[in-house]
Amino acid sequence: MRRSLWAVVAAGLMLGGVTTVRADVWDLDTLDEDDGPGTDNVLTHGIIQVHDLAAEASVVDQDWYFVATQPFSSYEVLLDGVTGDLWSSPLPLDLVGADGSTVVASGISLPNSIAATRTMRWQNTTSTAADNFVRVTGSGSSCTTACTTQDQYTVRFWETSASVARYNNAGSQVTILLLQNPAAYDINGRIFYWTSLGTLAGSQPFSLTPKQLLAIATAGTAGTTSGSITITQDGRFGDLQGKSVALEPSTGFSFDTPLVYRPH
């Protein structure tokens, strides 16, 4: 039965011809393709998709993705697995505003890497959500209007916001926040302190050079409150490391709480 099924599938592929096989199924929808702000393709944390930049009717292809940028959050898009004809120069990778035209941010090459791999990171440090689009175009490739379905790339997406479940500056305890940058590039971001009721107790920026460790006395911004911490940053997913250490001076005890990311 299984052999018969595979025989039918193989016959169908042969009859249809290999030219009908596409990496980018979103381009097959003639009514609502992914080549503009009307895209239905939504990027969510941990997603991995393979796309092509095959030109249609001699028009350079564009791939658009919708992103719901949440308050007090940060994100990363990564383009890798780029095939040869696409990267004589870096692929244009942009974050576009809700109006479908304003470029909010643009991709860069990874540190100490070839230009084929592109990363784009951004933060929303406000209390207001934003609708954004990620746009990839074939205009910067070597094939442009001659790109085919074999000219492919992989898009990956992560929320890079991190959290620490506990800090405590109430009573006799004080909390130190340790942040470390093990990467080979600078990481900048903002720390948000939330009370146990979810009220914002304060926020502060931070900046880390490669391999630097910061020890931050949280009471300087959060005061004599207790609760949790969230962190937005412009580093790659998982690079920023840290923990909070709640100290009890009278006994010498300490209580560590690690910095964590959303699982993917």
C-alpha atoms as a PDB file:
ATOM      1  CA  MET A   1       0.000   0.000   0.000  1.00  0.00           C
ATOM      2  CA  ARG A   2       2.804   2.405   0.930  1.00  0.00           C
ATOM      3  CA  ARG A   3       4.698   1.642  -2.315  1.00  0.00           C
ATOM      4  CA  SER A   4       1.555   2.294  -4.351  1.00  0.00           C
ATOM      5  CA  LEU A   5       1.032   5.649  -2.620  1.00  0.00           C
ATOM      6  CA  TRP A   6       4.587   6.783  -3.330  1.00  0.00           C
ATOM      7  CA  ALA A   7       4.215   5.637  -6.942  1.00  0.00           C
ATOM      8  CA  VAL A   8       1.156   7.868  -7.341  1.00  0.00           C
ATOM      9  CA  VAL A   9       2.964  10.835  -5.777  1.00  0.00           C
ATOM     10  CA  ALA A  10       6.011  10.323  -8.006  1.00  0.00           C
ATOM     11  CA  ALA A  11       3.842  10.051 -11.101  1.00  0.00           C
ATOM     12  CA  GLY A  12       2.071  13.263 -10.203  1.00  0.00           C
ATOM     13  CA  LEU A  13       5.355  15.110  -9.853  1.00  0.00           C
ATOM     14  CA  MET A  14       6.566  13.793 -13.193  1.00  0.00           C
ATOM     15  CA  LEU A  15       3.360  14.814 -14.952  1.00  0.00           C
ATOM     16  CA  GLY A  16       3.394  18.251 -13.381  1.00  0.00           C
ATOM     17  CA  GLY A  17       7.036  18.842 -14.248  1.00  0.00           C
ATOM     18  CA  VAL A  18       9.799  19.891 -11.881  1.00  0.00           C
ATOM     19  CA  THR A  19       9.242  23.586 -12.654  1.00  0.00           C
ATOM     20  CA  THR A  20       6.046  23.533 -10.560  1.00  0.00           C
ATOM     21  CA  VAL A  21       7.947  22.741  -7.360  1.00  0.00           C
ATOM     22  CA  ARG A  22       8.400  25.928  -5.337  1.00  0.00           C
ATOM     23  CA  ALA A  23       9.990  26.692  -2.013  1.00  0.00           C
ATOM     24  CA  ASP A  24       7.737  29.711  -1.468  1.00  0.00           C
ATOM     25  CA  VAL A  25       4.127  28.495  -1.334  1.00  0.00           C
ATOM     26  CA  TRP A  26       2.932  31.989  -0.348  1.00  0.00           C
ATOM     27  CA  ASP A  27       3.651  33.159  -3.906  1.00  0.00           C
ATOM     28  CA  LEU A  28       1.219  30.604  -5.339  1.00  0.00           C
ATOM     29  CA  ASP A  29      -1.838  32.448  -4.007  1.00  0.00           C
ATOM     30  CA  THR A  30      -2.879  34.697  -6.891  1.00  0.00           C
ATOM     31  CA  LEU A  31      -5.451  36.546  -4.789  1.00  0.00           C
ATOM     32  CA  ASP A  32      -3.371  37.402  -1.704  1.00  0.00           C
ATOM     33  CA  GLU A  33       0.347  36.893  -2.173  1.00  0.00           C
ATOM     34  CA  ASP A  34       3.037  37.796   0.330  1.00  0.00           C
ATOM     35  CA  ASP A  35       4.542  40.541  -1.863  1.00  0.00           C
ATOM     36  CA  GLY A  36       3.092  43.522   0.037  1.00  0.00           C
ATOM     37  CA  PRO A  37       1.463  44.800   3.246  1.00  0.00           C
ATOM     38  CA  GLY A  38      -1.554  42.587   2.567  1.00  0.00           C
ATOM     39  CA  THR A  39       0.441  39.483   3.479  1.00  0.00           C
ATOM     40  CA  ASP A  40      -1.159  36.873   5.721  1.00  0.00           C
ATOM     41  CA  ASN A  41       2.197  35.388   6.721  1.00  0.00           C
ATOM     42  CA  VAL A  42       2.778  36.192  10.400  1.00  0.00           C
ATOM     43  CA  LEU A  43       6.136  35.761  12.139  1.00  0.00           C
ATOM     44  CA  THR A  44       5.857  34.215  15.608  1.00  0.00           C
ATOM     45  CA  HIS A  45       8.540  33.286  18.126  1.00  0.00           C
ATOM     46  CA  GLY A  46      10.687  30.356  17.013  1.00  0.00           C
ATOM     47  CA  ILE A  47       9.295  30.146  13.475  1.00  0.00           C
ATOM     48  CA  ILE A  48      11.478  28.812  10.626  1.00  0.00           C
ATOM     49  CA  GLN A  49      10.404  29.133   6.985  1.00  0.00           C
ATOM     50  CA  VAL A  50      12.099  28.539   3.621  1.00  0.00           C
ATOM     51  CA  HIS A  51      11.325  31.058   0.868  1.00  0.00           C
ATOM     52  CA  ASP A  52      12.466  31.814  -2.640  1.00  0.00           C
ATOM     53  CA  LEU A  53      12.820  35.095  -4.506  1.00  0.00           C
ATOM     54  CA  ALA A  54      11.710  33.827  -7.902  1.00  0.00           C
ATOM     55  CA  ALA A  55      10.811  36.732 -10.173  1.00  0.00           C
ATOM     56  CA  GLU A  56       7.352  36.716 -11.723  1.00  0.00           C
ATOM     57  CA  ALA A  57       6.772  38.272 -15.156  1.00  0.00           C
ATOM     58  CA  SER A  58      10.260  39.847 -14.946  1.00  0.00           C
ATOM     59  CA  VAL A  59       9.358  41.641 -11.701  1.00  0.00           C
ATOM     60  CA  VAL A  60      11.746  41.399  -8.729  1.00  0.00           C
ATOM     61  CA  ASP A  61      10.147  39.338  -5.957  1.00  0.00           C
ATOM     62  CA  GLN A  62       9.416  40.682  -2.486  1.00  0.00           C
ATOM     63  CA  ASP A  63       8.506  38.655   0.606  1.00  0.00           C
ATOM     64  CA  TRP A  64       6.543  40.454   3.336  1.00  0.00           C
ATOM     65  CA  TYR A  65       5.852  39.180   6.860  1.00  0.00           C
ATOM     66  CA  PHE A  66       3.555  40.690   9.494  1.00  0.00           C
ATOM     67  CA  VAL A  67       4.988  41.176  13.000  1.00  0.00           C
ATOM     68  CA  ALA A  68       2.997  42.263  16.057  1.00  0.00           C
ATOM     69  CA  THR A  69       5.592  44.208  18.057  1.00  0.00           C
ATOM     70  CA  GLN A  70       4.451  44.035  21.683  1.00  0.00           C
ATOM     71  CA  PRO A  71       5.102  46.662  24.410  1.00  0.00           C
ATOM     72  CA  PHE A  72       8.336  46.310  26.408  1.00  0.00           C
ATOM     73  CA  SER A  73       9.685  43.675  24.017  1.00  0.00           C
ATOM     74  CA  SER A  74      12.561  43.070  21.613  1.00  0.00           C
ATOM     75  CA  TYR A  75      12.975  40.873  18.541  1.00  0.00           C
ATOM     76  CA  GLU A  76      15.382  39.373  16.016  1.00  0.00           C
ATOM     77  CA  VAL A  77      14.965  38.239  12.407  1.00  0.00           C
ATOM     78  CA  LEU A  78      17.729  36.118  10.862  1.00  0.00           C
ATOM     79  CA  LEU A  79      18.207  35.306   7.177  1.00  0.00           C
ATOM     80  CA  ASP A  80      20.525  32.370   6.545  1.00  0.00           C
ATOM     81  CA  GLY A  81      20.792  29.373   4.237  1.00  0.00           C
ATOM     82  CA  VAL A  82      21.103  31.834   1.345  1.00  0.00           C
ATOM     83  CA  THR A  83      21.820  30.178  -2.017  1.00  0.00           C
ATOM     84  CA  GLY A  84      24.631  31.414  -4.229  1.00  0.00           C
ATOM     85  CA  ASP A  85      22.786  33.567  -6.774  1.00  0.00           C
ATOM     86  CA  LEU A  86      21.196  35.694  -4.065  1.00  0.00           C
ATOM     87  CA  TRP A  87      24.188  37.125  -2.263  1.00  0.00           C
ATOM     88  CA  SER A  88      26.624  38.861  -4.566  1.00  0.00           C
ATOM     89  CA  SER A  89      25.611  41.713  -2.269  1.00  0.00           C
ATOM     90  CA  PRO A  90      23.603  41.527   0.976  1.00  0.00           C
ATOM     91  CA  LEU A  91      19.877  40.868   0.604  1.00  0.00           C
ATOM     92  CA  PRO A  92      17.807  43.936   1.518  1.00  0.00           C
ATOM     93  CA  LEU A  93      16.139  43.212   4.863  1.00  0.00           C
ATOM     94  CA  ASP A  94      13.938  45.927   6.374  1.00  0.00           C
ATOM     95  CA  LEU A  95      11.482  46.523   9.197  1.00  0.00           C
ATOM     96  CA  VAL A  96       8.610  48.534   7.753  1.00  0.00           C
ATOM     97  CA  GLY A  97       6.017  50.511   9.690  1.00  0.00           C
ATOM     98  CA  ALA A  98       2.264  49.972   9.678  1.00  0.00           C
ATOM     99  CA  ASP A  99       1.915  52.429   6.773  1.00  0.00           C
ATOM    100  CA  GLY A 100       3.697  49.924   4.516  1.00  0.00           C
ATOM    101  CA  SER A 101       6.394  52.407   3.471  1.00  0.00           C
ATOM    102  CA  THR A 102       8.363  53.837   6.424  1.00  0.00           C
ATOM    103  CA  VAL A 103      11.590  51.898   7.059  1.00  0.00           C
ATOM    104  CA  VAL A 104      12.042  51.582  10.837  1.00  0.00           C
ATOM    105  CA  ALA A 105      15.217  49.443  10.846  1.00  0.00           C
ATOM    106  CA  SER A 106      17.441  47.531   8.423  1.00  0.00           C
ATOM    107  CA  GLY A 107      19.401  44.302   8.567  1.00  0.00           C
ATOM    108  CA  ILE A 108      23.139  44.002   9.054  1.00  0.00           C
ATOM    109  CA  SER A 109      25.684  41.237   8.559  1.00  0.00           C
ATOM    110  CA  LEU A 110      26.629  39.068  11.520  1.00  0.00           C
ATOM    111  CA  PRO A 111      29.899  40.088  13.208  1.00  0.00           C
ATOM    112  CA  ASN A 112      32.926  38.361  11.653  1.00  0.00           C
ATOM    113  CA  SER A 113      30.701  36.678   9.063  1.00  0.00           C
ATOM    114  CA  ILE A 114      30.175  36.810   5.317  1.00  0.00           C
ATOM    115  CA  ALA A 115      27.426  39.093   4.084  1.00  0.00           C
ATOM    116  CA  ALA A 116      25.162  36.202   3.070  1.00  0.00           C
ATOM    117  CA  THR A 117      23.728  35.931   6.590  1.00  0.00           C
ATOM    118  CA  ARG A 118      21.693  38.932   7.737  1.00  0.00           C
ATOM    119  CA  THR A 119      20.290  39.834  11.137  1.00  0.00           C
ATOM    120  CA  MET A 120      17.896  42.582  12.204  1.00  0.00           C
ATOM    121  CA  ARG A 121      17.071  43.403  15.819  1.00  0.00           C
ATOM    122  CA  TRP A 122      14.764  45.996  17.317  1.00  0.00           C
ATOM    123  CA  GLN A 123      13.164  47.031  20.606  1.00  0.00           C
ATOM    124  CA  ASN A 124       9.826  48.487  21.640  1.00  0.00           C
ATOM    125  CA  THR A 125      10.455  50.136  25.014  1.00  0.00           C
ATOM    126  CA  THR A 126       7.063  51.853  25.069  1.00  0.00           C
ATOM    127  CA  SER A 127       3.717  50.756  26.496  1.00  0.00           C
ATOM    128  CA  THR A 128       2.090  50.787  23.046  1.00  0.00           C
ATOM    129  CA  ALA A 129       1.980  47.848  20.637  1.00  0.00           C
ATOM    130  CA  ALA A 130       3.006  48.414  17.027  1.00  0.00           C
ATOM    131  CA  ASP A 131       2.132  46.687  13.756  1.00  0.00           C
ATOM    132  CA  ASN A 132       5.231  46.111  11.631  1.00  0.00           C
ATOM    133  CA  PHE A 133       6.273  44.262   8.520  1.00  0.00           C
ATOM    134  CA  VAL A 134       9.526  42.481   7.737  1.00  0.00           C
ATOM    135  CA  ARG A 135      10.417  42.854   4.056  1.00  0.00           C
ATOM    136  CA  VAL A 136      12.952  40.855   2.022  1.00  0.00           C
ATOM    137  CA  THR A 137      13.552  41.737  -1.628  1.00  0.00           C
ATOM    138  CA  GLY A 138      15.562  40.307  -4.488  1.00  0.00           C
ATOM    139  CA  SER A 139      16.683  43.749  -5.628  1.00  0.00           C
ATOM    140  CA  GLY A 140      20.099  43.356  -4.008  1.00  0.00           C
ATOM    141  CA  SER A 141      20.759  39.885  -5.402  1.00  0.00           C
ATOM    142  CA  SER A 142      22.832  38.989  -8.437  1.00  0.00           C
ATOM    143  CA  CYS A 143      19.847  37.412 -10.219  1.00  0.00           C
ATOM    144  CA  THR A 144      17.152  40.096  -9.551  1.00  0.00           C
ATOM    145  CA  THR A 145      14.550  39.609 -12.334  1.00  0.00           C
ATOM    146  CA  ALA A 146      16.156  36.295 -13.340  1.00  0.00           C
ATOM    147  CA  CYS A 147      15.848  34.676  -9.889  1.00  0.00           C
ATOM    148  CA  THR A 148      14.174  31.257  -9.931  1.00  0.00           C
ATOM    149  CA  THR A 149      12.648  28.943  -7.328  1.00  0.00           C
ATOM    150  CA  GLN A 150      16.150  27.608  -6.645  1.00  0.00           C
ATOM    151  CA  ASP A 151      17.191  31.007  -5.260  1.00  0.00           C
ATOM    152  CA  GLN A 152      16.214  30.460  -1.651  1.00  0.00           C
ATOM    153  CA  TYR A 153      16.809  31.604   1.913  1.00  0.00           C
ATOM    154  CA  THR A 154      15.619  30.619   5.391  1.00  0.00           C
ATOM    155  CA  VAL A 155      13.970  33.141   7.689  1.00  0.00           C
ATOM    156  CA  ARG A 156      14.047  32.682  11.468  1.00  0.00           C
ATOM    157  CA  PHE A 157      12.345  34.834  14.086  1.00  0.00           C
ATOM    158  CA  TRP A 158      12.671  35.174  17.857  1.00  0.00           C
ATOM    159  CA  GLU A 159      11.434  37.386  20.637  1.00  0.00           C
ATOM    160  CA  THR A 160      14.669  38.363  22.407  1.00  0.00           C
ATOM    161  CA  SER A 161      13.077  39.869  25.512  1.00  0.00           C
ATOM    162  CA  ALA A 162      14.411  38.265  28.684  1.00  0.00           C
ATOM    163  CA  SER A 163      12.974  38.036  32.181  1.00  0.00           C
ATOM    164  CA  VAL A 164      14.009  37.502  35.779  1.00  0.00           C
ATOM    165  CA  ALA A 165      11.209  36.131  37.942  1.00  0.00           C
ATOM    166  CA  ARG A 166      12.224  37.806  41.207  1.00  0.00           C
ATOM    167  CA  TYR A 167      13.856  40.834  42.756  1.00  0.00           C
ATOM    168  CA  ASN A 168      13.317  42.007  46.330  1.00  0.00           C
ATOM    169  CA  ASN A 169      14.341  45.265  47.935  1.00  0.00           C
ATOM    170  CA  ALA A 170      11.641  45.152  50.621  1.00  0.00           C
ATOM    171  CA  GLY A 171      12.257  44.419  54.290  1.00  0.00           C
ATOM    172  CA  SER A 172      15.887  43.557  54.982  1.00  0.00           C
ATOM    173  CA  GLN A 173      16.820  42.261  51.506  1.00  0.00           C
ATOM    174  CA  VAL A 174      18.582  44.025  48.646  1.00  0.00           C
ATOM    175  CA  THR A 175      18.902  42.737  45.080  1.00  0.00           C
ATOM    176  CA  ILE A 176      21.816  43.011  42.678  1.00  0.00           C
ATOM    177  CA  LEU A 177      21.172  42.382  38.961  1.00  0.00           C
ATOM    178  CA  LEU A 178      24.118  40.843  37.099  1.00  0.00           C
ATOM    179  CA  LEU A 179      24.210  41.194  33.300  1.00  0.00           C
ATOM    180  CA  GLN A 180      26.999  39.729  31.179  1.00  0.00           C
ATOM    181  CA  ASN A 181      27.784  40.019  27.476  1.00  0.00           C
ATOM    182  CA  PRO A 182      29.681  36.933  26.246  1.00  0.00           C
ATOM    183  CA  ALA A 183      29.415  38.041  22.596  1.00  0.00           C
ATOM    184  CA  ALA A 184      31.931  39.874  20.394  1.00  0.00           C
ATOM    185  CA  TYR A 185      29.756  42.973  19.873  1.00  0.00           C
ATOM    186  CA  ASP A 186      28.076  45.611  22.051  1.00  0.00           C
ATOM    187  CA  ILE A 187      24.647  44.920  23.557  1.00  0.00           C
ATOM    188  CA  ASN A 188      22.356  47.763  24.610  1.00  0.00           C
ATOM    189  CA  GLY A 189      18.940  47.609  26.174  1.00  0.00           C
ATOM    190  CA  ARG A 190      16.568  48.655  28.925  1.00  0.00           C
ATOM    191  CA  ILE A 191      15.635  47.058  32.255  1.00  0.00           C
ATOM    192  CA  PHE A 192      12.033  47.222  33.494  1.00  0.00           C
ATOM    193  CA  TYR A 193      11.104  46.581  37.143  1.00  0.00           C
ATOM    194  CA  TRP A 194       7.558  45.386  37.831  1.00  0.00           C
ATOM    195  CA  THR A 195       5.908  45.106  41.235  1.00  0.00           C
ATOM    196  CA  SER A 196       4.105  41.912  42.218  1.00  0.00           C
ATOM    197  CA  LEU A 197       0.880  43.603  41.033  1.00  0.00           C
ATOM    198  CA  GLY A 198       2.333  44.241  37.570  1.00  0.00           C
ATOM    199  CA  THR A 199       2.864  47.980  38.044  1.00  0.00           C
ATOM    200  CA  LEU A 200       5.973  49.510  36.487  1.00  0.00           C
ATOM    201  CA  ALA A 201       8.252  50.537  39.360  1.00  0.00           C
ATOM    202  CA  GLY A 202      10.931  52.045  37.133  1.00  0.00           C
ATOM    203  CA  SER A 203      13.252  51.423  34.205  1.00  0.00           C
ATOM    204  CA  GLN A 204      16.856  52.116  33.268  1.00  0.00           C
ATOM    205  CA  PRO A 205      19.081  51.707  30.198  1.00  0.00           C
ATOM    206  CA  PHE A 206      22.213  49.580  30.089  1.00  0.00           C
ATOM    207  CA  SER A 207      25.136  49.133  27.732  1.00  0.00           C
ATOM    208  CA  LEU A 208      27.589  46.234  27.636  1.00  0.00           C
ATOM    209  CA  THR A 209      30.817  46.001  25.687  1.00  0.00           C
ATOM    210  CA  PRO A 210      32.040  42.523  24.627  1.00  0.00           C
ATOM    211  CA  LYS A 211      32.703  40.245  27.640  1.00  0.00           C
ATOM    212  CA  GLN A 212      31.686  42.985  30.094  1.00  0.00           C
ATOM    213  CA  LEU A 213      29.845  42.235  33.360  1.00  0.00           C
ATOM    214  CA  LEU A 214      27.515  44.770  34.983  1.00  0.00           C
ATOM    215  CA  ALA A 215      26.456  44.640  38.639  1.00  0.00           C
ATOM    216  CA  ILE A 216      23.370  46.830  39.105  1.00  0.00           C
ATOM    217  CA  ALA A 217      21.896  47.765  42.481  1.00  0.00           C
ATOM    218  CA  THR A 218      18.213  47.508  41.603  1.00  0.00           C
ATOM    219  CA  ALA A 219      17.070  49.673  44.530  1.00  0.00           C
ATOM    220  CA  GLY A 220      18.605  52.679  42.778  1.00  0.00           C
ATOM    221  CA  THR A 221      15.758  52.555  40.229  1.00  0.00           C
ATOM    222  CA  ALA A 222      13.097  50.268  41.711  1.00  0.00           C
ATOM    223  CA  GLY A 223      13.285  51.639  45.243  1.00  0.00           C
ATOM    224  CA  THR A 224      12.069  49.513  48.172  1.00  0.00           C
ATOM    225  CA  THR A 225       9.820  47.367  46.011  1.00  0.00           C
ATOM    226  CA  SER A 226       9.759  43.707  45.064  1.00  0.00           C
ATOM    227  CA  GLY A 227       8.562  41.904  41.985  1.00  0.00           C
ATOM    228  CA  SER A 228       9.984  40.795  38.634  1.00  0.00           C
ATOM    229  CA  ILE A 229      12.239  42.122  35.878  1.00  0.00           C
ATOM    230  CA  THR A 230      11.938  42.178  32.089  1.00  0.00           C
ATOM    231  CA  ILE A 231      14.719  43.240  29.742  1.00  0.00           C
ATOM    232  CA  THR A 232      14.662  44.411  26.136  1.00  0.00           C
ATOM    233  CA  GLN A 233      17.903  44.423  24.174  1.00  0.00           C
ATOM    234  CA  ASP A 234      19.498  44.667  20.746  1.00  0.00           C
ATOM    235  CA  GLY A 235      21.592  41.520  21.099  1.00  0.00           C
ATOM    236  CA  ARG A 236      21.030  38.242  19.305  1.00  0.00           C
ATOM    237  CA  PHE A 237      18.633  35.713  20.818  1.00  0.00           C
ATOM    238  CA  GLY A 238      20.262  34.058  23.837  1.00  0.00           C
ATOM    239  CA  ASP A 239      23.496  36.079  23.882  1.00  0.00           C
ATOM    240  CA  LEU A 240      22.729  38.289  26.887  1.00  0.00           C
ATOM    241  CA  GLN A 241      23.183  36.355  30.147  1.00  0.00           C
ATOM    242  CA  GLY A 242      22.456  37.247  33.758  1.00  0.00           C
ATOM    243  CA  LYS A 243      20.710  36.677  37.064  1.00  0.00           C
ATOM    244  CA  SER A 244      19.441  38.549  40.100  1.00  0.00           C
ATOM    245  CA  VAL A 245      20.984  37.969  43.533  1.00  0.00           C
ATOM    246  CA  ALA A 246      18.825  38.866  46.540  1.00  0.00           C
ATOM    247  CA  LEU A 247      21.046  39.394  49.581  1.00  0.00           C
ATOM    248  CA  GLU A 248      20.073  39.072  53.231  1.00  0.00           C
ATOM    249  CA  PRO A 249      22.766  41.111  55.068  1.00  0.00           C
ATOM    250  CA  SER A 250      21.779  39.940  58.547  1.00  0.00           C
ATOM    251  CA  THR A 251      22.351  36.264  57.747  1.00  0.00           C
ATOM    252  CA  GLY A 252      24.627  36.375  54.718  1.00  0.00           C
ATOM    253  CA  PHE A 253      22.192  34.253  52.723  1.00  0.00           C
ATOM    254  CA  SER A 254      21.709  34.944  48.999  1.00  0.00           C
ATOM    255  CA  PHE A 255      18.980  33.859  46.602  1.00  0.00           C
ATOM    256  CA  ASP A 256      19.775  33.572  42.881  1.00  0.00           C
ATOM    257  CA  THR A 257      17.168  33.877  40.107  1.00  0.00           C
ATOM    258  CA  PRO A 258      18.372  33.267  36.518  1.00  0.00           C
ATOM    259  CA  LEU A 259      17.635  35.381  33.475  1.00  0.00           C
ATOM    260  CA  VAL A 260      15.561  33.334  31.004  1.00  0.00           C
ATOM    261  CA  TYR A 261      14.198  33.601  27.465  1.00  0.00           C
ATOM    262  CA  ARG A 262      11.021  32.221  25.943  1.00  0.00           C
ATOM    263  CA  PRO A 263      11.553  28.593  24.926  1.00  0.00           C
ATOM    264  CA  HIS A 264      11.585  27.898  21.185  1.00  0.00           C
END
